[in-house]
N, C-alpha and C. Protein backbone atom coordinates (compact mmCIF):
# COMPACT_ATOMS: atom_id res chain seq x y z
N MET A 1 -41.16 -21.45 -110.22
CA MET A 1 -41.10 -20.91 -111.57
C MET A 1 -41.07 -19.38 -111.54
N ILE A 2 -41.90 -18.78 -110.70
CA ILE A 2 -41.93 -17.32 -110.59
C ILE A 2 -40.59 -16.80 -110.08
N ALA A 3 -39.97 -17.52 -109.16
CA ALA A 3 -38.68 -17.09 -108.63
C ALA A 3 -37.62 -17.13 -109.72
N TRP A 4 -37.66 -18.15 -110.57
CA TRP A 4 -36.70 -18.26 -111.67
C TRP A 4 -36.87 -17.09 -112.64
N ILE A 5 -38.10 -16.74 -112.97
CA ILE A 5 -38.38 -15.61 -113.87
C ILE A 5 -37.89 -14.31 -113.23
N ALA A 6 -38.18 -14.13 -111.96
CA ALA A 6 -37.74 -12.92 -111.26
C ALA A 6 -36.21 -12.83 -111.20
N TYR A 7 -35.55 -13.95 -111.04
CA TYR A 7 -34.09 -13.98 -110.96
C TYR A 7 -33.46 -13.67 -112.31
N ASN A 8 -34.11 -14.08 -113.41
CA ASN A 8 -33.56 -13.94 -114.75
C ASN A 8 -34.27 -12.90 -115.60
N ILE A 9 -34.96 -11.96 -115.01
CA ILE A 9 -35.75 -10.98 -115.76
C ILE A 9 -34.87 -10.12 -116.68
N GLY A 10 -33.67 -9.80 -116.26
CA GLY A 10 -32.76 -9.01 -117.10
C GLY A 10 -32.37 -9.76 -118.37
N THR A 11 -32.03 -11.03 -118.22
CA THR A 11 -31.66 -11.86 -119.36
C THR A 11 -32.85 -12.07 -120.29
N ILE A 12 -34.00 -12.30 -119.73
CA ILE A 12 -35.22 -12.50 -120.53
C ILE A 12 -35.55 -11.24 -121.30
N THR A 13 -35.45 -10.10 -120.66
CA THR A 13 -35.74 -8.82 -121.33
C THR A 13 -34.75 -8.55 -122.45
N ALA A 14 -33.48 -8.76 -122.20
CA ALA A 14 -32.46 -8.53 -123.22
C ALA A 14 -32.66 -9.46 -124.41
N ALA A 15 -32.96 -10.72 -124.15
CA ALA A 15 -33.20 -11.67 -125.23
C ALA A 15 -34.43 -11.29 -126.04
N ALA A 16 -35.47 -10.81 -125.39
CA ALA A 16 -36.68 -10.39 -126.10
C ALA A 16 -36.41 -9.18 -126.98
N ILE A 17 -35.60 -8.24 -126.51
CA ILE A 17 -35.27 -7.06 -127.31
C ILE A 17 -34.42 -7.45 -128.52
N ILE A 18 -33.43 -8.31 -128.32
CA ILE A 18 -32.60 -8.76 -129.42
C ILE A 18 -33.42 -9.54 -130.44
N LEU A 19 -34.33 -10.38 -129.98
CA LEU A 19 -35.20 -11.13 -130.88
C LEU A 19 -36.10 -10.19 -131.68
N ALA A 20 -36.63 -9.17 -131.04
CA ALA A 20 -37.49 -8.21 -131.74
C ALA A 20 -36.71 -7.46 -132.81
N ILE A 21 -35.48 -7.08 -132.53
CA ILE A 21 -34.64 -6.39 -133.51
C ILE A 21 -34.33 -7.31 -134.69
N ALA A 22 -34.01 -8.57 -134.41
CA ALA A 22 -33.70 -9.52 -135.47
C ALA A 22 -34.92 -9.79 -136.37
N VAL A 23 -36.08 -9.94 -135.77
CA VAL A 23 -37.31 -10.19 -136.55
C VAL A 23 -37.64 -8.97 -137.40
N THR A 24 -37.50 -7.78 -136.84
CA THR A 24 -37.76 -6.56 -137.60
C THR A 24 -36.79 -6.43 -138.77
N ALA A 25 -35.52 -6.69 -138.55
CA ALA A 25 -34.53 -6.63 -139.62
C ALA A 25 -34.85 -7.64 -140.71
N PHE A 26 -35.25 -8.84 -140.33
CA PHE A 26 -35.61 -9.87 -141.30
C PHE A 26 -36.76 -9.42 -142.18
N PHE A 27 -37.81 -8.88 -141.58
CA PHE A 27 -38.95 -8.45 -142.37
C PHE A 27 -38.63 -7.25 -143.26
N ILE A 28 -37.78 -6.36 -142.81
CA ILE A 28 -37.36 -5.23 -143.64
C ILE A 28 -36.57 -5.72 -144.84
N ILE A 29 -35.67 -6.66 -144.63
CA ILE A 29 -34.88 -7.22 -145.72
C ILE A 29 -35.78 -7.94 -146.72
N MET A 30 -36.74 -8.72 -146.23
CA MET A 30 -37.65 -9.44 -147.13
C MET A 30 -38.52 -8.47 -147.92
N LYS A 31 -38.98 -7.38 -147.30
CA LYS A 31 -39.80 -6.38 -147.98
C LYS A 31 -38.99 -5.70 -149.08
N ASP A 32 -37.74 -5.35 -148.78
CA ASP A 32 -36.88 -4.72 -149.78
C ASP A 32 -36.56 -5.68 -150.92
N LYS A 33 -36.38 -6.95 -150.62
CA LYS A 33 -36.09 -7.94 -151.65
C LYS A 33 -37.28 -8.09 -152.60
N LYS A 34 -38.49 -8.07 -152.06
CA LYS A 34 -39.68 -8.16 -152.90
C LYS A 34 -39.82 -6.94 -153.80
N LYS A 35 -39.34 -5.78 -153.34
CA LYS A 35 -39.40 -4.56 -154.15
C LYS A 35 -38.28 -4.52 -155.18
N GLY A 36 -37.33 -5.45 -155.10
CA GLY A 36 -36.23 -5.50 -156.05
C GLY A 36 -35.03 -4.67 -155.66
N LYS A 37 -34.98 -4.22 -154.44
CA LYS A 37 -33.84 -3.42 -153.99
C LYS A 37 -32.64 -4.33 -153.73
N SER A 38 -31.46 -3.82 -154.02
CA SER A 38 -30.24 -4.56 -153.77
C SER A 38 -29.86 -4.42 -152.30
N SER A 39 -29.21 -5.42 -151.77
CA SER A 39 -28.82 -5.37 -150.37
C SER A 39 -27.59 -4.51 -150.14
N CYS A 40 -26.75 -4.35 -151.16
CA CYS A 40 -25.52 -3.59 -150.96
C CYS A 40 -25.67 -2.14 -151.41
N GLY A 41 -26.52 -1.87 -152.39
CA GLY A 41 -26.74 -0.52 -152.87
C GLY A 41 -25.64 0.00 -153.77
N CYS A 42 -24.78 -0.88 -154.25
CA CYS A 42 -23.67 -0.47 -155.10
C CYS A 42 -23.99 -0.74 -156.57
N ASN A 43 -23.03 -0.43 -157.43
CA ASN A 43 -23.16 -0.65 -158.85
C ASN A 43 -22.91 -2.12 -159.14
N CYS A 44 -23.90 -2.82 -159.68
CA CYS A 44 -23.78 -4.26 -159.91
C CYS A 44 -22.82 -4.59 -161.05
N ALA A 45 -22.52 -3.65 -161.92
CA ALA A 45 -21.61 -3.91 -163.02
C ALA A 45 -20.20 -4.22 -162.53
N HIS A 46 -19.83 -3.74 -161.36
CA HIS A 46 -18.49 -3.95 -160.83
C HIS A 46 -18.45 -5.03 -159.75
N CYS A 47 -19.52 -5.73 -159.58
CA CYS A 47 -19.60 -6.75 -158.53
C CYS A 47 -19.25 -8.12 -159.09
N ALA A 48 -18.50 -8.90 -158.33
CA ALA A 48 -18.12 -10.25 -158.76
C ALA A 48 -19.32 -11.19 -158.77
N MET A 49 -20.33 -10.90 -157.97
CA MET A 49 -21.51 -11.76 -157.87
C MET A 49 -22.71 -11.21 -158.64
N ALA A 50 -22.48 -10.34 -159.61
CA ALA A 50 -23.56 -9.66 -160.33
C ALA A 50 -24.50 -10.65 -161.02
N GLY A 51 -23.97 -11.75 -161.52
CA GLY A 51 -24.81 -12.71 -162.23
C GLY A 51 -25.71 -13.52 -161.32
N SER A 52 -25.35 -13.70 -160.08
CA SER A 52 -26.16 -14.52 -159.18
C SER A 52 -27.06 -13.72 -158.27
N CYS A 53 -26.89 -12.41 -158.25
CA CYS A 53 -27.64 -11.57 -157.34
C CYS A 53 -29.06 -11.30 -157.85
N HIS A 54 -29.19 -11.00 -159.13
CA HIS A 54 -30.48 -10.66 -159.71
C HIS A 54 -30.88 -11.67 -160.77
N LYS A 55 -32.12 -12.06 -160.77
CA LYS A 55 -32.62 -13.00 -161.77
C LYS A 55 -32.85 -12.26 -163.09
N THR A 56 -32.51 -12.91 -164.16
CA THR A 56 -32.75 -12.30 -165.47
C THR A 56 -34.20 -12.50 -165.87
N LYS A 57 -34.75 -11.52 -166.55
CA LYS A 57 -36.16 -11.60 -166.94
C LYS A 57 -36.31 -11.92 -168.39
């Protein structure tokens, strides 16, 4: 088992870094969504999906 880990340490490290970046991005997106920020940052009046993006209050 130790030999397998030593042989694949580069792949394991790269996968761990990519996973950490993905998890961080997910939590940032969820935090922004809770604050009510739009994901695109554009004017919603000109967006085709304006009605489904934000809930009406």
